[in-house]
Protein backbone atom coordinates (compact mmCIF):
# COMPACT_ATOMS: atom_id res chain seq x y z
CA MET A 1 1.65 31.37 96.53
CA THR A 2 3.08 29.99 93.31
CA GLN A 3 0.59 28.52 90.87
CA VAL A 4 1.29 24.81 90.52
CA ARG A 5 0.02 22.70 87.65
CA GLY A 6 0.40 18.93 87.64
CA THR A 7 1.11 17.18 84.34
CA ASN A 8 -0.83 14.02 83.56
CA LEU A 9 1.25 11.28 81.95
CA ARG A 10 -1.66 9.52 80.29
CA ASP A 11 -2.96 12.75 78.69
CA MET A 12 0.52 13.62 77.48
CA SER A 13 0.92 10.19 75.94
CA HIS A 14 -2.48 10.54 74.25
CA ALA A 15 -1.50 13.92 72.79
CA LEU A 16 1.60 12.31 71.33
CA ALA A 17 -0.39 9.37 69.95
CA ILE A 18 -2.96 11.53 68.10
CA GLY A 19 -0.40 14.01 66.84
CA ASP A 20 -1.44 17.00 68.92
CA ALA A 21 2.19 17.35 70.02
CA THR A 22 5.59 15.93 69.26
CA SER A 23 8.04 14.70 71.83
CA SER A 24 10.45 17.44 70.77
CA GLU A 25 7.79 20.10 71.47
CA ILE A 26 6.96 18.60 74.88
CA VAL A 27 10.62 18.28 75.80
CA ALA A 28 11.28 21.87 74.69
CA HIS A 29 8.53 23.03 77.07
CA SER A 30 9.90 20.84 79.87
CA LEU A 31 13.45 22.14 79.47
CA ALA A 32 12.29 25.76 79.21
CA LEU A 33 10.21 25.46 82.38
CA ALA A 34 13.10 23.82 84.20
CA GLU A 35 15.45 26.61 83.18
CA ALA A 36 12.92 29.30 84.12
CA THR A 37 12.27 27.92 87.61
CA ASN A 38 15.52 26.34 88.71
CA SER A 39 17.05 29.57 90.04
CA TRP A 40 14.49 29.55 92.87
CA LEU A 41 12.95 26.05 92.85
CA LYS A 42 16.31 24.24 92.64
CA SER A 43 14.66 21.01 91.61
CA LEU A 44 17.52 19.96 89.34
CA ILE A 45 21.26 19.58 89.74
CA THR A 46 21.96 18.88 86.07
CA LEU A 47 19.79 19.65 83.07
CA THR A 48 20.37 16.85 80.54
CA SER A 49 19.42 18.84 77.45
CA GLU A 50 21.64 17.02 74.97
CA CYS A 51 20.33 13.62 76.05
CA GLY A 52 16.75 14.92 76.10
CA TRP A 53 16.86 16.34 72.60
CA ALA A 54 18.37 13.15 71.18
CA GLN A 55 15.86 10.86 72.89
CA ALA A 56 12.93 13.10 71.87
CA ALA A 57 14.04 13.12 68.24
CA ALA A 58 14.32 9.32 68.30
CA ALA A 59 10.81 9.05 69.78
CA ASP A 60 9.40 11.34 67.09
CA ASP A 61 11.11 9.29 64.40
CA ARG A 62 9.62 6.06 65.77
CA ARG A 63 6.17 7.60 65.82
CA ARG A 64 6.51 8.82 62.22
CA ARG A 65 7.40 5.26 61.23
CA GLY A 66 4.40 3.90 63.13
CA GLN A 67 6.57 2.11 65.68
CA PRO A 68 5.94 3.80 69.05
CA ARG A 69 7.00 1.74 72.06
CA GLY A 70 4.07 2.50 74.33
CA LEU A 71 2.69 5.05 76.77
CA LEU A 72 6.10 6.33 77.89
CA ASP A 73 7.56 6.82 74.44
CA GLY A 74 8.54 10.48 74.06
CA VAL A 75 7.49 11.46 77.60
CA PRO A 76 10.03 13.48 79.65
CA TYR A 77 11.08 12.58 83.19
CA VAL A 78 13.83 13.34 85.70
CA ALA A 79 15.87 10.94 87.84
CA LYS A 80 17.13 11.63 91.33
CA ASP A 81 20.87 12.24 91.12
CA VAL A 82 21.74 8.87 92.66
CA PHE A 83 20.73 7.01 89.50
CA ASN A 84 23.84 6.41 87.42
CA THR A 85 23.56 7.81 83.90
CA ALA A 86 26.19 6.89 81.33
CA GLY A 87 28.37 9.89 80.50
CA ILE A 88 26.12 12.24 82.50
CA ARG A 89 27.32 13.63 85.82
CA THR A 90 25.82 11.82 88.81
CA THR A 91 26.68 13.63 92.05
CA ALA A 92 24.36 12.23 94.77
CA GLY A 93 24.05 15.89 95.78
CA SER A 94 27.63 15.99 97.07
CA ARG A 95 30.96 17.64 96.30
CA VAL A 96 32.49 14.20 96.82
CA TYR A 97 31.02 13.08 93.49
CA ALA A 98 31.06 16.48 91.79
CA GLU A 99 32.97 15.03 88.82
CA HIS A 100 31.48 11.54 88.82
CA TYR A 101 30.57 10.44 85.28
CA PRO A 102 29.35 6.82 85.28
CA LYS A 103 30.10 4.49 82.40
CA GLU A 104 26.73 2.73 82.52
CA ASP A 105 23.09 3.60 83.17
CA SER A 106 21.35 2.26 86.23
CA VAL A 107 18.87 -0.51 85.43
CA ALA A 108 15.86 1.77 86.04
CA VAL A 109 17.19 4.46 83.69
CA ARG A 110 17.99 1.84 81.05
CA LYS A 111 14.49 0.35 81.27
CA LEU A 112 12.93 3.77 80.83
CA ALA A 113 15.18 4.47 77.87
CA ASP A 114 14.06 1.16 76.35
CA ALA A 115 10.45 2.33 76.87
CA GLY A 116 11.27 5.56 75.00
CA ALA A 117 11.06 7.88 78.00
CA VAL A 118 13.13 11.05 77.71
CA LEU A 119 15.57 12.03 80.48
CA VAL A 120 15.64 15.82 80.85
CA GLY A 121 17.38 16.24 84.21
CA LYS A 122 19.03 14.85 87.32
CA ALA A 123 17.00 15.87 90.34
CA ASN A 124 18.28 17.66 93.42
CA MET A 125 18.37 15.83 96.74
CA HIS A 126 19.59 15.76 100.32
CA GLU A 127 23.31 14.97 100.15
CA PHE A 128 23.76 11.20 99.68
CA ALA A 129 20.06 10.80 100.64
CA TYR A 130 21.13 11.46 104.23
CA GLY A 131 18.02 13.33 105.45
CA ALA A 132 14.28 13.96 105.17
CA THR A 133 14.32 17.74 104.64
CA GLY A 134 16.12 18.02 101.30
CA GLU A 135 18.33 20.81 102.60
CA ASN A 136 21.68 20.85 100.81
CA GLN A 137 24.41 23.45 101.30
CA PHE A 138 26.19 22.50 98.08
CA THR A 139 23.46 22.13 95.46
CA GLY A 140 20.94 24.42 97.13
CA THR A 141 17.77 23.43 98.92
CA THR A 142 14.79 22.48 96.80
CA VAL A 143 11.83 24.58 97.90
CA ASN A 144 8.16 23.76 97.77
CA PRO A 145 6.41 24.78 94.54
CA TRP A 146 3.32 25.76 96.52
CA ASP A 147 5.27 28.15 98.78
CA ARG A 148 8.94 28.84 98.19
CA ARG A 149 9.42 29.67 101.87
CA ARG A 150 8.81 26.04 102.68
CA LEU A 151 10.62 22.76 102.17
CA ALA A 152 9.86 20.27 99.42
CA GLY A 153 11.10 17.52 101.72
CA GLY A 154 13.69 14.85 101.14
CA SER A 155 15.63 13.15 100.27
CA SER A 156 13.93 13.00 96.83
CA GLY A 157 12.72 16.60 97.03
CA GLY A 158 13.89 17.63 93.59
CA SER A 159 11.97 14.77 91.99
CA ALA A 160 8.72 15.71 93.80
CA ALA A 161 9.10 19.43 93.12
CA ALA A 162 9.74 18.85 89.41
CA VAL A 163 6.51 16.86 89.13
CA ALA A 164 4.48 19.29 91.24
CA ALA A 165 5.73 22.27 89.21
CA GLY A 166 4.68 20.60 85.95
CA ILE A 167 8.22 20.26 84.61
CA VAL A 168 7.77 16.52 84.07
CA PRO A 169 4.89 14.08 84.57
CA PHE A 170 6.96 11.59 86.56
CA ALA A 171 10.31 11.15 88.26
CA LEU A 172 12.50 8.48 89.81
CA GLY A 173 13.43 8.69 93.48
CA THR A 174 14.69 6.49 96.27
CA ASP A 175 13.12 5.81 99.66
CA THR A 176 14.95 4.56 102.77
CA GLY A 177 12.63 5.90 105.46
CA GLY A 178 10.15 7.97 103.50
CA SER A 179 12.31 9.75 100.94
CA VAL A 180 9.82 9.30 98.08
CA ARG A 181 6.59 9.53 100.09
CA VAL A 182 7.52 12.52 102.30
CA PRO A 183 8.36 14.97 99.47
CA ALA A 184 5.41 13.66 97.44
CA ALA A 185 3.17 14.43 100.42
CA LEU A 186 4.58 17.90 101.02
CA CYS A 187 4.39 18.80 97.32
CA GLY A 188 0.90 17.42 96.70
CA VAL A 189 1.76 14.62 94.28
CA THR A 190 1.77 10.82 94.43
CA GLY A 191 4.78 8.83 95.63
CA PHE A 192 5.11 5.03 95.46
CA LYS A 193 7.58 2.89 97.37
CA PRO A 194 7.13 -0.68 96.11
CA SER A 195 7.90 -3.89 97.91
CA PHE A 196 11.60 -4.21 98.67
CA GLY A 197 13.47 -5.26 95.55
CA LEU A 198 10.57 -4.98 93.12
CA PHE A 199 12.36 -2.15 91.31
CA ASP A 200 15.93 -3.10 90.46
CA SER A 201 18.38 -0.84 92.32
CA THR A 202 21.46 -1.89 90.34
CA GLY A 203 23.41 1.24 89.43
CA VAL A 204 21.88 3.39 92.18
CA ILE A 205 24.30 5.01 94.65
CA PRO A 206 23.24 3.44 97.95
CA PHE A 207 22.45 4.95 101.30
CA CYS A 208 21.46 1.79 103.16
CA TRP A 209 21.34 -1.51 101.30
CA THR A 210 18.90 -3.13 103.74
CA LEU A 211 16.29 -0.40 103.53
CA ASP A 212 16.77 1.40 100.19
CA HIS A 213 13.85 1.17 97.75
CA VAL A 214 13.70 2.65 94.26
CA GLY A 215 10.42 4.57 93.90
CA VAL A 216 8.31 6.63 91.51
CA ILE A 217 6.75 10.08 91.93
CA ALA A 218 3.99 11.22 89.58
CA ALA A 219 0.87 13.35 89.42
CA SER A 220 -1.47 10.45 90.16
CA ALA A 221 -1.70 6.81 91.16
CA ASP A 222 -2.68 6.02 87.57
CA ASP A 223 0.56 7.58 86.30
CA VAL A 224 2.60 5.79 88.98
CA SER A 225 1.00 2.52 87.87
CA ILE A 226 1.95 3.13 84.24
CA VAL A 227 5.61 3.65 85.13
CA THR A 228 5.59 0.67 87.50
CA GLY A 229 4.34 -1.52 84.69
CA TRP A 230 7.35 -0.57 82.56
CA LEU A 231 9.88 -1.04 85.38
CA THR A 232 8.61 -4.48 86.35
CA ASP A 233 6.95 -7.56 84.93
CA LEU A 234 3.72 -6.78 86.77
CA ASN A 235 0.46 -6.41 84.86
CA VAL A 236 -0.50 -3.56 87.18
CA PHE A 237 -3.89 -2.88 85.58
CA GLU A 238 -5.08 -6.48 85.86
CA PRO A 239 -7.91 -6.39 88.44
CA VAL A 240 -7.15 -7.92 91.82
CA ASP A 241 -10.55 -9.05 93.01
CA SER A 242 -11.59 -9.91 96.52
CA GLU A 243 -14.77 -11.79 97.40
CA ARG A 244 -15.14 -10.00 100.73
CA SER A 245 -15.57 -6.33 101.57
CA LEU A 246 -12.44 -4.26 101.93
CA ARG A 247 -10.93 -4.42 105.41
CA VAL A 248 -8.77 -1.40 106.26
CA GLY A 249 -6.35 -1.31 109.17
CA VAL A 250 -6.04 1.98 111.04
CA LEU A 251 -4.03 3.09 114.03
CA PRO A 252 -5.91 3.84 117.26
CA GLU A 253 -7.02 7.45 117.46
CA ALA A 254 -4.84 7.97 120.53
CA ALA A 255 -1.76 7.00 118.49
CA LEU A 256 -2.32 9.68 115.84
CA VAL A 257 -0.31 12.87 116.28
CA LEU A 258 -1.51 15.23 113.55
CA GLU A 259 -1.96 18.83 112.60
CA PRO A 260 -5.71 19.65 112.21
CA SER A 261 -5.55 19.92 108.42
CA VAL A 262 -3.82 16.55 108.13
CA ARG A 263 -6.43 15.00 110.40
CA ALA A 264 -9.14 16.43 108.13
CA GLY A 265 -7.50 14.92 105.05
CA TYR A 266 -7.14 11.58 106.82
CA LYS A 267 -10.83 11.58 107.76
CA SER A 268 -11.71 12.41 104.15
CA ALA A 269 -9.80 9.31 103.06
CA ILE A 270 -11.66 7.21 105.63
CA ALA A 271 -14.97 8.55 104.32
CA ALA A 272 -13.91 7.81 100.74
CA LEU A 273 -12.93 4.24 101.61
CA ARG A 274 -16.17 3.80 103.52
CA GLY A 275 -17.91 4.83 100.32
CA LEU A 276 -16.13 1.92 98.64
CA GLY A 277 -17.63 -0.43 101.23
CA ALA A 278 -14.63 -0.62 103.55
CA THR A 279 -14.74 -1.65 107.18
CA PHE A 280 -12.12 -0.39 109.63
CA HIS A 281 -10.10 -2.35 112.17
CA GLU A 282 -7.53 -1.05 114.66
CA ILE A 283 -4.03 -2.42 114.29
CA GLU A 284 -0.82 -2.06 116.29
CA LEU A 285 2.64 -1.23 115.03
CA PRO A 286 5.86 -1.25 117.07
CA ASP A 287 6.63 1.75 119.23
CA ALA A 288 7.74 4.55 116.89
CA ALA A 289 10.76 5.45 119.01
CA GLU A 290 11.97 1.85 118.99
CA SER A 291 11.48 1.30 115.26
CA ARG A 292 13.13 4.64 114.48
CA THR A 293 16.18 3.59 116.53
CA VAL A 294 16.32 0.31 114.63
CA SER A 295 16.09 2.14 111.31
CA LEU A 296 18.75 4.73 112.18
CA THR A 297 21.15 2.12 113.56
CA ILE A 298 21.01 0.14 110.32
CA GLN A 299 21.22 3.28 108.19
CA LEU A 300 24.22 4.76 109.99
CA ALA A 301 26.17 1.51 110.01
CA GLU A 302 25.59 0.74 106.34
CA ALA A 303 26.14 4.32 105.17
CA LEU A 304 29.48 4.33 106.99
CA ALA A 305 30.40 1.01 105.35
CA TYR A 306 29.78 2.48 101.89
CA HIS A 307 31.58 5.77 102.54
CA SER A 308 34.56 4.47 104.52
CA PRO A 309 36.77 4.14 101.41
CA LEU A 310 35.95 7.76 100.47
CA ILE A 311 36.24 9.47 103.84
CA GLY A 312 40.02 9.58 104.06
CA ALA A 313 40.49 11.62 100.92
CA SER A 314 37.20 13.49 100.90
CA VAL A 315 36.01 14.03 104.45
CA ASP A 316 36.10 17.86 104.11
CA LYS A 317 33.87 17.67 101.05
CA TYR A 318 30.94 16.19 102.99
CA GLY A 319 28.28 18.37 104.59
CA ALA A 320 28.21 18.74 108.37
CA ASP A 321 25.11 16.56 108.83
CA VAL A 322 26.65 13.71 106.86
CA ARG A 323 29.92 13.92 108.81
CA SER A 324 27.94 13.84 112.05
CA GLY A 325 26.28 10.66 110.85
CA PHE A 326 29.68 9.12 110.21
CA VAL A 327 30.73 9.90 113.77
CA LEU A 328 27.60 8.24 115.14
CA GLY A 329 28.11 5.26 112.86
CA GLN A 330 31.67 4.80 114.11
CA GLN A 331 30.41 4.67 117.69
CA LEU A 332 27.87 1.91 117.04
CA PRO A 333 28.93 -1.50 118.35
CA ALA A 334 28.58 -4.39 115.93
CA GLU A 335 26.19 -5.99 118.44
CA SER A 336 23.71 -3.13 118.00
CA TYR A 337 23.64 -3.58 114.24
CA VAL A 338 23.16 -7.34 114.54
CA GLN A 339 20.39 -6.99 117.12
CA CYS A 340 18.59 -4.47 114.92
CA GLN A 341 18.81 -6.83 111.97
CA ARG A 342 17.27 -9.54 114.16
CA LEU A 343 14.47 -7.15 115.11
CA LEU A 344 13.74 -6.70 111.41
CA THR A 345 12.86 -10.39 111.21
CA GLU A 346 10.47 -9.99 114.15
CA TYR A 347 8.91 -6.88 112.65
CA ARG A 348 8.34 -8.60 109.31
CA GLY A 349 6.68 -11.59 110.90
CA THR A 350 4.39 -9.49 113.10
CA PHE A 351 3.55 -7.15 110.25
CA SER A 352 2.71 -10.00 107.91
CA ARG A 353 0.25 -11.42 110.44
CA GLN A 354 -1.66 -8.13 110.49
CA PHE A 355 -2.95 -9.05 107.06
CA ASP A 356 -4.81 -12.04 108.42
CA ASP A 357 -7.38 -9.47 109.58
CA VAL A 358 -6.99 -6.56 107.13
CA ASP A 359 -6.38 -6.11 103.41
CA LEU A 360 -4.44 -2.88 103.59
CA ILE A 361 -3.48 -0.15 106.07
CA LEU A 362 -4.33 3.55 105.94
CA THR A 363 -2.24 6.18 107.72
CA PRO A 364 -1.43 9.85 107.24
CA THR A 365 1.76 10.24 105.21
CA CYS A 366 3.21 13.10 107.23
CA PRO A 367 1.68 14.53 110.43
CA ILE A 368 2.35 18.08 109.22
CA VAL A 369 2.20 20.16 106.06
CA ALA A 370 5.42 21.44 104.50
CA PRO A 371 7.53 23.16 107.20
CA GLU A 372 9.41 26.37 106.62
CA THR A 373 12.99 26.17 105.41
CA GLY A 374 15.49 26.21 108.24
CA SER A 375 13.13 24.51 110.69
CA ASN A 376 14.80 22.29 113.27
CA ARG A 377 11.80 21.40 115.40
CA VAL A 378 8.12 21.58 114.52
CA PRO A 379 5.10 21.83 116.83
CA ILE A 380 2.36 19.21 116.61
CA GLY A 381 -0.27 19.81 119.22
CA ASP A 382 1.54 20.63 122.46
CA GLN A 383 4.77 18.83 121.54
CA LEU A 384 7.89 19.84 119.64
CA TYR A 385 9.35 17.19 117.34
CA PRO A 386 12.74 17.13 115.60
CA ILE A 387 11.85 17.80 111.99
CA GLY A 388 13.20 14.53 110.63
CA ASN A 389 11.30 12.52 113.22
CA ALA A 390 8.10 14.40 112.43
CA LEU A 391 8.31 14.02 108.65
CA THR A 392 9.01 10.25 108.77
CA LEU A 393 6.76 9.40 111.73
CA TYR A 394 4.36 7.34 109.59
CA THR A 395 6.70 6.24 106.79
CA SER A 396 9.96 4.76 108.10
CA PHE A 397 8.53 1.57 109.63
CA PHE A 398 7.29 0.35 106.26
CA ASN A 399 10.85 0.37 104.90
CA LEU A 400 11.85 -1.97 107.75
CA VAL A 401 9.27 -4.52 106.63
CA GLY A 402 9.70 -3.96 102.88
CA ALA A 403 6.02 -3.28 102.31
CA PRO A 404 4.53 -1.42 99.34
CA ALA A 405 3.30 2.03 100.34
CA ILE A 406 1.86 4.90 98.33
CA ALA A 407 1.33 8.54 99.35
CA LEU A 408 -1.77 10.19 97.85
CA PRO A 409 -2.94 13.83 97.95
CA ALA A 410 -5.90 14.28 100.31
CA GLY A 411 -6.72 17.97 100.28
CA ALA A 412 -4.96 21.07 101.60
CA ASP A 413 -4.81 23.33 104.62
CA ASP A 414 -6.20 26.88 104.74
CA LYS A 415 -3.00 28.20 103.10
CA GLY A 416 -3.32 25.77 100.20
CA LEU A 417 -0.49 23.52 101.39
CA PRO A 418 -1.05 19.87 100.47
CA VAL A 419 -1.89 17.09 102.91
CA SER A 420 -1.52 13.41 102.14
CA VAL A 421 -2.55 9.91 103.16
CA GLN A 422 -0.70 6.63 102.80
CA LEU A 423 -1.95 3.20 101.72
CA VAL A 424 0.19 0.23 102.75
CA GLY A 425 -0.10 -3.42 101.76
CA ALA A 426 1.52 -6.70 102.63
CA ALA A 427 4.93 -7.33 101.11
CA GLY A 428 4.41 -8.39 97.52
CA ALA A 429 0.88 -6.93 97.28
CA ASP A 430 1.94 -4.09 94.96
CA LYS A 431 -0.80 -4.63 92.36
CA TRP A 432 -3.44 -4.59 95.10
CA VAL A 433 -2.07 -1.38 96.65
CA LEU A 434 -1.92 0.37 93.28
CA GLN A 435 -5.44 -0.75 92.36
CA LEU A 436 -6.86 0.55 95.65
CA ALA A 437 -4.86 3.77 95.30
CA ARG A 438 -6.41 4.43 91.88
CA ARG A 439 -9.87 3.84 93.32
CA LEU A 440 -9.23 5.98 96.37
CA GLU A 441 -7.93 8.96 94.41
CA LYS A 442 -11.10 8.92 92.30
CA GLU A 443 -13.27 8.86 95.41
CA LEU A 444 -11.26 11.67 97.03
CA ALA A 445 -11.73 13.77 93.91
CA ARG A 446 -15.50 13.52 94.42
CA ILE A 447 -15.41 14.71 98.04
């Protein structure tokens, strides 16, 4: 078992503010730790040392002049390798883009640069964000910092592993069906997928335009909130008060398919919310098999649309799983795609009405702890599930409805592997979800 130490963004920012450390010192530690671990962890595709040193020096100079830009100034982070970075290789985890050097930063990277944050690396990922395991035959598979025999998850596995290993306090990722929340859950950190479109995705290599969300992974909900505040116009720490007691939607017990340790973590979260005065109300979501089919149909069709211009010249450079997806996408009739898009409208209407009776929804994030590398199917109870289906069982639907969802650590199994729960709000209720997440993580820490 590898010792994992999370890095708190707020504490790091405070150390910079009072002069206990310089950005250059913190970045030196971050780069050294990345270099020392990457041979086995494989959290990064590219170490952006030159950029990091320059941004750290600029942050130190601003602080010497008494002109720091805020809590992120001088703090290191990594960005999943789908975020375009000017003059820095951006591969999307694929040989297809092995020599892709964008001319401009993505909007998210530019906003973080404006805040003074320091980019120290481009994080490893499932090729073109095309899977939930993070396995990649070209860049290597990111492993779990808690147990290198196990997966970190995907597709933003490198981002989650870098935070969990203490390399950086936060990271950018993307989430199409759980790709921020799943690796955050497996690695024992916090992963936030905001409402669709809240984080600007301009300059991000797409997987599926309809379902892609830019997200943030950090050591805590508090840290996620800080980054969200800089990426949006939201005053995320402004209290969102409710005159009534908190009403939490939960799935019927019969609908929950969970490993025992995950069930224990989920029950701990229920107890913590009950301690905050919550009442619990059963809700219904669409059949998981149906909603997964809708999600995959839209994903495969839109991924094929993006990659079609590249396939002719580069088909042999894609991994086998991505090529298989292209074949499936080519076999989809246009009618199926249109019908699935129509179902999205139904899902969003039905989902929105759930919040007439509840304020937020609590689910497990993943039904299992981190599976071993190379797993194809995983047992849950007396059933075997395809690994991708299992990992995204409780996450993918919320991309279909564009709802804000956050994965929070909720304990560990008897091997020390993290378990996680997920808070979900109505579309647009990001401040409310983040506020409740900060309260819940404090309550869970007391249990």
